[in-house]
C-alpha atoms as a PDB file:
ATOM      1  CA  UNK A   1     -46.402 -55.298  46.096  1.00  0.00           C
ATOM      2  CA  UNK A   2     -49.799 -53.665  46.065  1.00  0.00           C
ATOM      3  CA  UNK A   3     -50.079 -50.354  47.862  1.00  0.00           C
ATOM      4  CA  UNK A   4     -53.144 -48.907  49.550  1.00  0.00           C
ATOM      5  CA  UNK A   5     -55.597 -47.242  47.219  1.00  0.00           C
ATOM      6  CA  UNK A   6     -56.593 -44.501  49.649  1.00  0.00           C
ATOM      7  CA  UNK A   7     -57.424 -40.948  48.620  1.00  0.00           C
ATOM      8  CA  UNK A   8     -58.669 -41.859  45.156  1.00  0.00           C
ATOM      9  CA  UNK A   9     -55.703 -43.852  43.869  1.00  0.00           C
ATOM     10  CA  UNK A  10     -56.584 -45.789  40.743  1.00  0.00           C
ATOM     11  CA  UNK A  11     -53.144 -47.460  40.797  1.00  0.00           C
ATOM     12  CA  UNK A  12     -50.630 -47.895  43.632  1.00  0.00           C
ATOM     13  CA  UNK A  13     -47.664 -50.226  43.857  1.00  0.00           C
ATOM     14  CA  UNK A  14     -44.617 -50.036  46.042  1.00  0.00           C
ATOM     15  CA  UNK A  15     -41.229 -51.671  46.266  1.00  0.00           C
ATOM     16  CA  UNK A  16     -38.410 -51.550  48.797  1.00  0.00           C
ATOM     17  CA  UNK A  17     -34.647 -51.658  48.481  1.00  0.00           C
ATOM     18  CA  UNK A  18     -32.278 -52.183  51.401  1.00  0.00           C
ATOM     19  CA  UNK A  19     -28.933 -50.450  51.648  1.00  0.00           C
ATOM     20  CA  UNK A  20     -26.254 -50.219  54.307  1.00  0.00           C
ATOM     21  CA  UNK A  21     -27.881 -47.225  56.060  1.00  0.00           C
ATOM     22  CA  UNK A  22     -31.494 -48.404  55.936  1.00  0.00           C
ATOM     23  CA  UNK A  23     -34.014 -48.827  53.157  1.00  0.00           C
ATOM     24  CA  UNK A  24     -35.544 -46.973  50.242  1.00  0.00           C
ATOM     25  CA  UNK A  25     -39.271 -47.292  49.561  1.00  0.00           C
ATOM     26  CA  UNK A  26     -40.648 -46.357  46.156  1.00  0.00           C
ATOM     27  CA  UNK A  27     -44.373 -45.684  45.775  1.00  0.00           C
ATOM     28  CA  UNK A  28     -45.804 -45.460  42.269  1.00  0.00           C
ATOM     29  CA  UNK A  29     -49.355 -44.253  41.978  1.00  0.00           C
ATOM     30  CA  UNK A  30     -51.951 -42.609  39.798  1.00  0.00           C
ATOM     31  CA  UNK A  31     -54.285 -40.356  41.750  1.00  0.00           C
ATOM     32  CA  UNK A  32     -56.897 -37.950  40.416  1.00  0.00           C
ATOM     33  CA  UNK A  33     -56.111 -35.250  42.987  1.00  0.00           C
ATOM     34  CA  UNK A  34     -52.525 -34.787  41.761  1.00  0.00           C
ATOM     35  CA  UNK A  35     -52.770 -36.076  38.169  1.00  0.00           C
ATOM     36  CA  UNK A  36     -52.627 -32.573  36.694  1.00  0.00           C
ATOM     37  CA  UNK A  37     -49.124 -32.058  38.109  1.00  0.00           C
ATOM     38  CA  UNK A  38     -47.853 -35.645  38.355  1.00  0.00           C
ATOM     39  CA  UNK A  39     -49.896 -38.085  36.226  1.00  0.00           C
ATOM     40  CA  UNK A  40     -47.656 -40.973  37.233  1.00  0.00           C
ATOM     41  CA  UNK A  41     -46.446 -40.040  40.688  1.00  0.00           C
ATOM     42  CA  UNK A  42     -43.280 -41.581  42.043  1.00  0.00           C
ATOM     43  CA  UNK A  43     -42.396 -40.922  45.670  1.00  0.00           C
ATOM     44  CA  UNK A  44     -39.028 -42.175  46.859  1.00  0.00           C
ATOM     45  CA  UNK A  45     -38.573 -42.262  50.635  1.00  0.00           C
ATOM     46  CA  UNK A  46     -35.396 -43.049  52.519  1.00  0.00           C
ATOM     47  CA  UNK A  47     -35.566 -44.607  55.977  1.00  0.00           C
ATOM     48  CA  UNK A  48     -32.685 -45.001  58.404  1.00  0.00           C
ATOM     49  CA  UNK A  49     -31.859 -48.242  60.183  1.00  0.00           C
ATOM     50  CA  UNK A  50     -34.034 -47.065  63.085  1.00  0.00           C
ATOM     51  CA  UNK A  51     -37.072 -46.780  60.771  1.00  0.00           C
ATOM     52  CA  UNK A  52     -37.257 -42.976  60.789  1.00  0.00           C
ATOM     53  CA  UNK A  53     -37.724 -41.145  57.508  1.00  0.00           C
ATOM     54  CA  UNK A  54     -34.515 -39.435  56.437  1.00  0.00           C
ATOM     55  CA  UNK A  55     -35.629 -37.894  53.146  1.00  0.00           C
ATOM     56  CA  UNK A  56     -38.224 -37.925  50.410  1.00  0.00           C
ATOM     57  CA  UNK A  57     -38.284 -37.019  46.732  1.00  0.00           C
ATOM     58  CA  UNK A  58     -41.439 -36.629  44.645  1.00  0.00           C
ATOM     59  CA  UNK A  59     -41.157 -37.147  40.897  1.00  0.00           C
ATOM     60  CA  UNK A  60     -43.779 -37.154  38.182  1.00  0.00           C
ATOM     61  CA  UNK A  61     -43.986 -38.623  34.712  1.00  0.00           C
ATOM     62  CA  UNK A  62     -46.587 -38.111  31.976  1.00  0.00           C
ATOM     63  CA  UNK A  63     -46.582 -41.690  30.697  1.00  0.00           C
ATOM     64  CA  UNK A  64     -44.830 -45.041  30.933  1.00  0.00           C
ATOM     65  CA  UNK A  65     -42.499 -44.074  28.081  1.00  0.00           C
ATOM     66  CA  UNK A  66     -41.323 -41.080  30.134  1.00  0.00           C
ATOM     67  CA  UNK A  67     -40.502 -43.416  33.006  1.00  0.00           C
ATOM     68  CA  UNK A  68     -38.311 -45.570  30.755  1.00  0.00           C
ATOM     69  CA  UNK A  69     -36.342 -42.502  29.698  1.00  0.00           C
ATOM     70  CA  UNK A  70     -36.411 -41.155  33.263  1.00  0.00           C
ATOM     71  CA  UNK A  71     -33.948 -43.574  34.900  1.00  0.00           C
ATOM     72  CA  UNK A  72     -31.166 -40.909  34.912  1.00  0.00           C
ATOM     73  CA  UNK A  73     -33.581 -38.452  36.580  1.00  0.00           C
ATOM     74  CA  UNK A  74     -34.458 -41.041  39.190  1.00  0.00           C
ATOM     75  CA  UNK A  75     -30.763 -41.840  39.796  1.00  0.00           C
ATOM     76  CA  UNK A  76     -29.925 -38.148  40.155  1.00  0.00           C
ATOM     77  CA  UNK A  77     -32.731 -37.703  42.706  1.00  0.00           C
ATOM     78  CA  UNK A  78     -31.548 -40.726  44.680  1.00  0.00           C
ATOM     79  CA  UNK A  79     -28.008 -39.355  44.893  1.00  0.00           C
ATOM     80  CA  UNK A  80     -28.681 -35.625  45.295  1.00  0.00           C
ATOM     81  CA  UNK A  81     -31.031 -36.096  48.218  1.00  0.00           C
ATOM     82  CA  UNK A  82     -28.991 -38.844  49.839  1.00  0.00           C
ATOM     83  CA  UNK A  83     -31.716 -41.400  49.251  1.00  0.00           C
ATOM     84  CA  UNK A  84     -29.237 -43.992  47.996  1.00  0.00           C
ATOM     85  CA  UNK A  85     -25.468 -44.260  47.819  1.00  0.00           C
ATOM     86  CA  UNK A  86     -24.025 -43.206  44.463  1.00  0.00           C
ATOM     87  CA  UNK A  87     -22.625 -46.686  43.888  1.00  0.00           C
ATOM     88  CA  UNK A  88     -26.156 -48.141  43.877  1.00  0.00           C
ATOM     89  CA  UNK A  89     -28.252 -45.250  42.508  1.00  0.00           C
ATOM     90  CA  UNK A  90     -28.036 -46.231  38.828  1.00  0.00           C
ATOM     91  CA  UNK A  91     -29.041 -49.845  39.444  1.00  0.00           C
ATOM     92  CA  UNK A  92     -31.856 -48.718  41.773  1.00  0.00           C
ATOM     93  CA  UNK A  93     -33.069 -46.240  39.140  1.00  0.00           C
ATOM     94  CA  UNK A  94     -33.080 -48.868  36.399  1.00  0.00           C
ATOM     95  CA  UNK A  95     -34.939 -51.255  38.710  1.00  0.00           C
ATOM     96  CA  UNK A  96     -37.501 -48.564  39.548  1.00  0.00           C
ATOM     97  CA  UNK A  97     -37.995 -47.760  35.865  1.00  0.00           C
ATOM     98  CA  UNK A  98     -38.394 -51.449  35.004  1.00  0.00           C
ATOM     99  CA  UNK A  99     -40.783 -51.929  37.932  1.00  0.00           C
ATOM    100  CA  UNK A 100     -43.060 -49.205  36.558  1.00  0.00           C
ATOM    101  CA  UNK A 101     -42.827 -50.062  32.861  1.00  0.00           C
ATOM    102  CA  UNK A 102     -43.478 -53.741  33.594  1.00  0.00           C
ATOM    103  CA  UNK A 103     -46.971 -52.633  34.638  1.00  0.00           C
ATOM    104  CA  UNK A 104     -47.347 -50.324  31.632  1.00  0.00           C
ATOM    105  CA  UNK A 105     -50.826 -51.622  30.706  1.00  0.00           C
ATOM    106  CA  UNK A 106     -52.180 -51.187  34.241  1.00  0.00           C
ATOM    107  CA  UNK A 107     -50.642 -47.718  34.594  1.00  0.00           C
ATOM    108  CA  UNK A 108     -52.040 -46.649  31.221  1.00  0.00           C
ATOM    109  CA  UNK A 109     -55.498 -47.993  32.165  1.00  0.00           C
ATOM    110  CA  UNK A 110     -55.335 -46.095  35.472  1.00  0.00           C
ATOM    111  CA  UNK A 111     -54.458 -42.888  33.619  1.00  0.00           C
ATOM    112  CA  UNK A 112     -57.413 -43.364  31.237  1.00  0.00           C
ATOM    113  CA  UNK A 113     -59.772 -43.599  34.212  1.00  0.00           C
ATOM    114  CA  UNK A 114     -58.781 -40.028  35.052  1.00  0.00           C
ATOM    115  CA  UNK A 115     -59.699 -38.618  31.623  1.00  0.00           C
END
C-alpha cells in the first residue's frame, strides 16, 4: 500500500505481516534527507498484539539489485532483533525483497530525482 510522502519522500510504500505475537510493518522509502546513508531505506517495525512497538530495524540498500541480494540480511535482522520468529523470517525476507524489486522502476525513478 502507499505510504505517506511526508518529509520529502519521493517514494514510500509499506506492507504488513501478521505473526503469532503481533505484526511486522515494513516501510520502504526514498528520501533526500537520508539518501546519502540509505538510498533505499527499509524500516522494519515489530508491534505486539496490544499495538505497542516492540522493536525496529533500519536497513539501507544502494539499488534494487542490492535488495534482491539482501534477503539474507533482511532475514538476519528479523531474527536477531526479534522482529519475526525464525521459522518465518526467511519467507518474510523473500517477500520483502520481492515487494521492493517488483517496484524496481518506481524506486529507480525516485532515486534519480535525488541526483
